[in-house]
Amino acid sequence: MPQPYNTVCSEEIYGIMIRCWHMAPEDRPTFKELYCSVSQSIERDAGYLQFGFNPFTGGGGEGGGG
């Protein structure tokens, strides 16, 4: 599937999406890898946005906790 023309989908997000469709399931990213990749991309692009909860550690954002 080609990358959407309207550029709503960044190269990075498109790459993540393509990896999810890999023929071999073991070559697809795990949910944890997806969470980390997507949240890092969004935080970097938005500049001010920070996810406060990590479902894989149960911790919050800065300062930990949950």
PDB file of N, CA and C in Angstrom:
ATOM      1  N   MET A   1       0.851  -1.171   0.000  1.00  0.00           N
ATOM      2  CA  MET A   1       0.000   0.000   0.000  1.00  0.00           C
ATOM      3  C   MET A   1       0.899   1.237   0.000  1.00  0.00           C
ATOM      4  N   PRO A   2       0.687   2.149  -0.912  1.00  0.00           N
ATOM      5  CA  PRO A   2       1.514   3.356  -0.955  1.00  0.00           C
ATOM      6  C   PRO A   2       1.181   4.309   0.192  1.00  0.00           C
ATOM      7  N   GLN A   3       2.161   5.155   0.526  1.00  0.00           N
ATOM      8  CA  GLN A   3       1.944   6.146   1.578  1.00  0.00           C
ATOM      9  C   GLN A   3       0.868   7.126   1.135  1.00  0.00           C
ATOM     10  N   PRO A   4      -0.034   7.507   2.049  1.00  0.00           N
ATOM     11  CA  PRO A   4      -1.085   8.467   1.696  1.00  0.00           C
ATOM     12  C   PRO A   4      -0.500   9.759   1.138  1.00  0.00           C
ATOM     13  N   TYR A   5      -1.098  10.260   0.104  1.00  0.00           N
ATOM     14  CA  TYR A   5      -0.616  11.445  -0.599  1.00  0.00           C
ATOM     15  C   TYR A   5      -0.744  12.713   0.230  1.00  0.00           C
ATOM     16  N   ASN A   6      -1.746  12.792   1.071  1.00  0.00           N
ATOM     17  CA  ASN A   6      -2.041  14.035   1.783  1.00  0.00           C
ATOM     18  C   ASN A   6      -1.066  14.349   2.913  1.00  0.00           C
ATOM     19  N   THR A   7      -0.033  13.555   3.101  1.00  0.00           N
ATOM     20  CA  THR A   7       1.033  13.735   4.096  1.00  0.00           C
ATOM     21  C   THR A   7       0.554  13.793   5.545  1.00  0.00           C
ATOM     22  N   VAL A   8      -0.665  13.371   5.805  1.00  0.00           N
ATOM     23  CA  VAL A   8      -1.115  13.261   7.194  1.00  0.00           C
ATOM     24  C   VAL A   8      -0.276  12.198   7.901  1.00  0.00           C
ATOM     25  N   CYS A   9       0.168  11.243   7.141  1.00  0.00           N
ATOM     26  CA  CYS A   9       0.961  10.137   7.668  1.00  0.00           C
ATOM     27  C   CYS A   9       2.444  10.429   7.407  1.00  0.00           C
ATOM     28  N   SER A  10       3.230  10.634   8.478  1.00  0.00           N
ATOM     29  CA  SER A  10       4.659  10.915   8.324  1.00  0.00           C
ATOM     30  C   SER A  10       5.390   9.679   7.803  1.00  0.00           C
ATOM     31  N   GLU A  11       6.599   9.892   7.309  1.00  0.00           N
ATOM     32  CA  GLU A  11       7.431   8.776   6.843  1.00  0.00           C
ATOM     33  C   GLU A  11       7.649   7.775   7.978  1.00  0.00           C
ATOM     34  N   GLU A  12       7.882   8.294   9.182  1.00  0.00           N
ATOM     35  CA  GLU A  12       8.135   7.431  10.329  1.00  0.00           C
ATOM     36  C   GLU A  12       6.913   6.573  10.667  1.00  0.00           C
ATOM     37  N   ILE A  13       5.754   7.178  10.746  1.00  0.00           N
ATOM     38  CA  ILE A  13       4.525   6.441  11.059  1.00  0.00           C
ATOM     39  C   ILE A  13       4.196   5.460   9.939  1.00  0.00           C
ATOM     40  N   TYR A  14       4.400   5.872   8.704  1.00  0.00           N
ATOM     41  CA  TYR A  14       4.165   4.975   7.575  1.00  0.00           C
ATOM     42  C   TYR A  14       5.085   3.753   7.672  1.00  0.00           C
ATOM     43  N   GLY A  15       6.348   3.966   8.041  1.00  0.00           N
ATOM     44  CA  GLY A  15       7.281   2.852   8.204  1.00  0.00           C
ATOM     45  C   GLY A  15       6.831   1.883   9.283  1.00  0.00           C
ATOM     46  N   ILE A  16       6.313   2.425  10.381  1.00  0.00           N
ATOM     47  CA  ILE A  16       5.790   1.584  11.463  1.00  0.00           C
ATOM     48  C   ILE A  16       4.603   0.768  10.949  1.00  0.00           C
ATOM     49  N   MET A  17       3.726   1.425  10.210  1.00  0.00           N
ATOM     50  CA  MET A  17       2.544   0.758   9.664  1.00  0.00           C
ATOM     51  C   MET A  17       2.944  -0.389   8.726  1.00  0.00           C
ATOM     52  N   ILE A  18       3.919  -0.135   7.860  1.00  0.00           N
ATOM     53  CA  ILE A  18       4.375  -1.162   6.919  1.00  0.00           C
ATOM     54  C   ILE A  18       4.954  -2.363   7.669  1.00  0.00           C
ATOM     55  N   ARG A  19       5.710  -2.105   8.744  1.00  0.00           N
ATOM     56  CA  ARG A  19       6.276  -3.210   9.529  1.00  0.00           C
ATOM     57  C   ARG A  19       5.178  -4.073  10.139  1.00  0.00           C
ATOM     58  N   CYS A  20       4.036  -3.478  10.470  1.00  0.00           N
ATOM     59  CA  CYS A  20       2.917  -4.232  11.052  1.00  0.00           C
ATOM     60  C   CYS A  20       2.326  -5.233  10.066  1.00  0.00           C
ATOM     61  N   TRP A  21       2.536  -5.003   8.785  1.00  0.00           N
ATOM     62  CA  TRP A  21       1.976  -5.873   7.756  1.00  0.00           C
ATOM     63  C   TRP A  21       2.980  -6.885   7.226  1.00  0.00           C
ATOM     64  N   HIS A  22       4.111  -7.046   7.895  1.00  0.00           N
ATOM     65  CA  HIS A  22       5.128  -7.985   7.427  1.00  0.00           C
ATOM     66  C   HIS A  22       4.524  -9.383   7.326  1.00  0.00           C
ATOM     67  N   MET A  23       4.919 -10.103   6.294  1.00  0.00           N
ATOM     68  CA  MET A  23       4.377 -11.453   6.071  1.00  0.00           C
ATOM     69  C   MET A  23       4.655 -12.391   7.247  1.00  0.00           C
ATOM     70  N   ALA A  24       5.849 -12.304   7.812  1.00  0.00           N
ATOM     71  CA  ALA A  24       6.224 -13.178   8.926  1.00  0.00           C
ATOM     72  C   ALA A  24       5.859 -12.502  10.249  1.00  0.00           C
ATOM     73  N   PRO A  25       4.952 -13.097  11.017  1.00  0.00           N
ATOM     74  CA  PRO A  25       4.521 -12.483  12.274  1.00  0.00           C
ATOM     75  C   PRO A  25       5.675 -12.132  13.218  1.00  0.00           C
ATOM     76  N   GLU A  26       6.718 -12.954  13.231  1.00  0.00           N
ATOM     77  CA  GLU A  26       7.845 -12.685  14.133  1.00  0.00           C
ATOM     78  C   GLU A  26       8.633 -11.433  13.728  1.00  0.00           C
ATOM     79  N   ASP A  27       8.413 -10.947  12.516  1.00  0.00           N
ATOM     80  CA  ASP A  27       9.077  -9.730  12.050  1.00  0.00           C
ATOM     81  C   ASP A  27       8.227  -8.480  12.256  1.00  0.00           C
ATOM     82  N   ARG A  28       7.014  -8.662  12.780  1.00  0.00           N
ATOM     83  CA  ARG A  28       6.142  -7.526  13.076  1.00  0.00           C
ATOM     84  C   ARG A  28       6.495  -6.974  14.455  1.00  0.00           C
ATOM     85  N   PRO A  29       6.304  -5.670  14.675  1.00  0.00           N
ATOM     86  CA  PRO A  29       6.601  -5.111  16.000  1.00  0.00           C
ATOM     87  C   PRO A  29       5.605  -5.615  17.044  1.00  0.00           C
ATOM     88  N   THR A  30       6.087  -5.722  18.268  1.00  0.00           N
ATOM     89  CA  THR A  30       5.206  -6.089  19.377  1.00  0.00           C
ATOM     90  C   THR A  30       4.364  -4.866  19.749  1.00  0.00           C
ATOM     91  N   PHE A  31       3.348  -5.067  20.568  1.00  0.00           N
ATOM     92  CA  PHE A  31       2.537  -3.935  21.013  1.00  0.00           C
ATOM     93  C   PHE A  31       3.388  -2.951  21.814  1.00  0.00           C
ATOM     94  N   LYS A  32       4.321  -3.466  22.591  1.00  0.00           N
ATOM     95  CA  LYS A  32       5.211  -2.589  23.359  1.00  0.00           C
ATOM     96  C   LYS A  32       6.074  -1.755  22.411  1.00  0.00           C
ATOM     97  N   GLU A  33       6.627  -2.384  21.379  1.00  0.00           N
ATOM     98  CA  GLU A  33       7.434  -1.646  20.402  1.00  0.00           C
ATOM     99  C   GLU A  33       6.592  -0.595  19.688  1.00  0.00           C
ATOM    100  N   LEU A  34       5.352  -0.955  19.343  1.00  0.00           N
ATOM    101  CA  LEU A  34       4.451   0.006  18.698  1.00  0.00           C
ATOM    102  C   LEU A  34       4.188   1.195  19.611  1.00  0.00           C
ATOM    103  N   TYR A  35       3.876   0.917  20.861  1.00  0.00           N
ATOM    104  CA  TYR A  35       3.600   1.989  21.820  1.00  0.00           C
ATOM    105  C   TYR A  35       4.797   2.934  21.917  1.00  0.00           C
ATOM    106  N   CYS A  36       5.977   2.370  22.090  1.00  0.00           N
ATOM    107  CA  CYS A  36       7.180   3.193  22.241  1.00  0.00           C
ATOM    108  C   CYS A  36       7.465   3.997  20.979  1.00  0.00           C
ATOM    109  N   SER A  37       7.401   3.359  19.828  1.00  0.00           N
ATOM    110  CA  SER A  37       7.693   4.048  18.567  1.00  0.00           C
ATOM    111  C   SER A  37       6.705   5.172  18.286  1.00  0.00           C
ATOM    112  N   VAL A  38       5.429   4.880  18.429  1.00  0.00           N
ATOM    113  CA  VAL A  38       4.402   5.881  18.121  1.00  0.00           C
ATOM    114  C   VAL A  38       4.435   7.019  19.138  1.00  0.00           C
ATOM    115  N   SER A  39       4.566   6.706  20.427  1.00  0.00           N
ATOM    116  CA  SER A  39       4.578   7.772  21.428  1.00  0.00           C
ATOM    117  C   SER A  39       5.807   8.660  21.271  1.00  0.00           C
ATOM    118  N   GLN A  40       6.964   8.082  20.959  1.00  0.00           N
ATOM    119  CA  GLN A  40       8.168   8.890  20.733  1.00  0.00           C
ATOM    120  C   GLN A  40       7.990   9.793  19.525  1.00  0.00           C
ATOM    121  N   SER A  41       7.406   9.269  18.470  1.00  0.00           N
ATOM    122  CA  SER A  41       7.181  10.063  17.264  1.00  0.00           C
ATOM    123  C   SER A  41       6.241  11.230  17.542  1.00  0.00           C
ATOM    124  N   ILE A  42       5.157  10.959  18.251  1.00  0.00           N
ATOM    125  CA  ILE A  42       4.179  12.009  18.556  1.00  0.00           C
ATOM    126  C   ILE A  42       4.790  13.057  19.485  1.00  0.00           C
ATOM    127  N   GLU A  43       5.503  12.609  20.516  1.00  0.00           N
ATOM    128  CA  GLU A  43       6.130  13.551  21.444  1.00  0.00           C
ATOM    129  C   GLU A  43       7.140  14.440  20.725  1.00  0.00           C
ATOM    130  N   ARG A  44       7.924  13.864  19.836  1.00  0.00           N
ATOM    131  CA  ARG A  44       8.934  14.613  19.091  1.00  0.00           C
ATOM    132  C   ARG A  44       8.268  15.612  18.145  1.00  0.00           C
ATOM    133  N   ASP A  45       7.241  15.178  17.434  1.00  0.00           N
ATOM    134  CA  ASP A  45       6.571  16.048  16.463  1.00  0.00           C
ATOM    135  C   ASP A  45       5.773  17.157  17.138  1.00  0.00           C
ATOM    136  N   ALA A  46       5.123  16.831  18.243  1.00  0.00           N
ATOM    137  CA  ALA A  46       4.287  17.820  18.916  1.00  0.00           C
ATOM    138  C   ALA A  46       5.120  18.779  19.761  1.00  0.00           C
ATOM    139  N   GLY A  47       6.250  18.315  20.236  1.00  0.00           N
ATOM    140  CA  GLY A  47       7.127  19.151  21.029  1.00  0.00           C
ATOM    141  C   GLY A  47       6.715  19.281  22.482  1.00  0.00           C
ATOM    142  N   TYR A  48       5.456  19.458  22.763  1.00  0.00           N
ATOM    143  CA  TYR A  48       4.994  19.675  24.133  1.00  0.00           C
ATOM    144  C   TYR A  48       4.198  18.508  24.681  1.00  0.00           C
ATOM    145  N   LEU A  49       3.788  17.596  23.835  1.00  0.00           N
ATOM    146  CA  LEU A  49       2.930  16.496  24.254  1.00  0.00           C
ATOM    147  C   LEU A  49       3.758  15.395  24.898  1.00  0.00           C
ATOM    148  N   GLN A  50       3.353  14.956  26.072  1.00  0.00           N
ATOM    149  CA  GLN A  50       4.023  13.851  26.730  1.00  0.00           C
ATOM    150  C   GLN A  50       2.969  12.888  27.250  1.00  0.00           C
ATOM    151  N   PHE A  51       3.118  11.626  26.888  1.00  0.00           N
ATOM    152  CA  PHE A  51       2.200  10.626  27.401  1.00  0.00           C
ATOM    153  C   PHE A  51       2.493  10.420  28.876  1.00  0.00           C
ATOM    154  N   GLY A  52       1.460  10.429  29.704  1.00  0.00           N
ATOM    155  CA  GLY A  52       1.648  10.325  31.139  1.00  0.00           C
ATOM    156  C   GLY A  52       1.523   8.924  31.683  1.00  0.00           C
ATOM    157  N   PHE A  53       1.145   7.976  30.858  1.00  0.00           N
ATOM    158  CA  PHE A  53       0.948   6.621  31.353  1.00  0.00           C
ATOM    159  C   PHE A  53       1.524   5.634  30.361  1.00  0.00           C
ATOM    160  N   ASN A  54       2.317   4.705  30.870  1.00  0.00           N
ATOM    161  CA  ASN A  54       2.871   3.648  30.040  1.00  0.00           C
ATOM    162  C   ASN A  54       2.194   2.350  30.448  1.00  0.00           C
ATOM    163  N   PRO A  55       1.363   1.779  29.582  1.00  0.00           N
ATOM    164  CA  PRO A  55       0.632   0.564  29.952  1.00  0.00           C
ATOM    165  C   PRO A  55       1.538  -0.642  30.151  1.00  0.00           C
ATOM    166  N   PHE A  56       2.795  -0.532  29.726  1.00  0.00           N
ATOM    167  CA  PHE A  56       3.699  -1.666  29.846  1.00  0.00           C
ATOM    168  C   PHE A  56       4.511  -1.637  31.131  1.00  0.00           C
ATOM    169  N   THR A  57       4.564  -0.483  31.809  1.00  0.00           N
ATOM    170  CA  THR A  57       5.271  -0.410  33.087  1.00  0.00           C
ATOM    171  C   THR A  57       4.320  -0.070  34.219  1.00  0.00           C
ATOM    172  N   GLY A  58       3.146   0.469  33.858  1.00  0.00           N
ATOM    173  CA  GLY A  58       2.184   0.880  34.865  1.00  0.00           C
ATOM    174  C   GLY A  58       2.533   2.215  35.479  1.00  0.00           C
ATOM    175  N   GLY A  59       3.667   2.786  35.049  1.00  0.00           N
ATOM    176  CA  GLY A  59       4.113   4.050  35.615  1.00  0.00           C
ATOM    177  C   GLY A  59       3.553   5.232  34.877  1.00  0.00           C
ATOM    178  N   GLY A  60       3.603   6.336  35.549  1.00  0.00           N
ATOM    179  CA  GLY A  60       3.182   7.582  34.939  1.00  0.00           C
ATOM    180  C   GLY A  60       4.322   8.196  34.163  1.00  0.00           C
ATOM    181  N   GLY A  61       4.148   9.433  33.813  1.00  0.00           N
ATOM    182  CA  GLY A  61       5.171  10.169  33.081  1.00  0.00           C
ATOM    183  C   GLY A  61       6.297  10.535  34.022  1.00  0.00           C
ATOM    184  N   GLU A  62       6.689  11.784  34.038  1.00  0.00           N
ATOM    185  CA  GLU A  62       7.753  12.235  34.912  1.00  0.00           C
ATOM    186  C   GLU A  62       7.352  11.997  36.355  1.00  0.00           C
ATOM    187  N   GLY A  63       8.305  11.529  37.135  1.00  0.00           N
ATOM    188  CA  GLY A  63       8.017  11.293  38.539  1.00  0.00           C
ATOM    189  C   GLY A  63       7.496   9.895  38.822  1.00  0.00           C
ATOM    190  N   GLY A  64       7.307   9.086  37.797  1.00  0.00           N
ATOM    191  CA  GLY A  64       6.857   7.710  37.987  1.00  0.00           C
ATOM    192  C   GLY A  64       5.445   7.643  38.503  1.00  0.00           C
ATOM    193  N   GLY A  65       5.189   6.686  39.333  1.00  0.00           N
ATOM    194  CA  GLY A  65       3.845   6.518  39.884  1.00  0.00           C
ATOM    195  C   GLY A  65       2.907   5.938  38.864  1.00  0.00           C
ATOM    196  N   GLY A  66       1.673   5.767  39.217  1.00  0.00           N
ATOM    197  CA  GLY A  66       0.782   5.214  38.241  1.00  0.00           C
ATOM    198  C   GLY A  66      -0.569   5.331  38.613  1.00  0.00           C
TER     199      GLY A  66
END
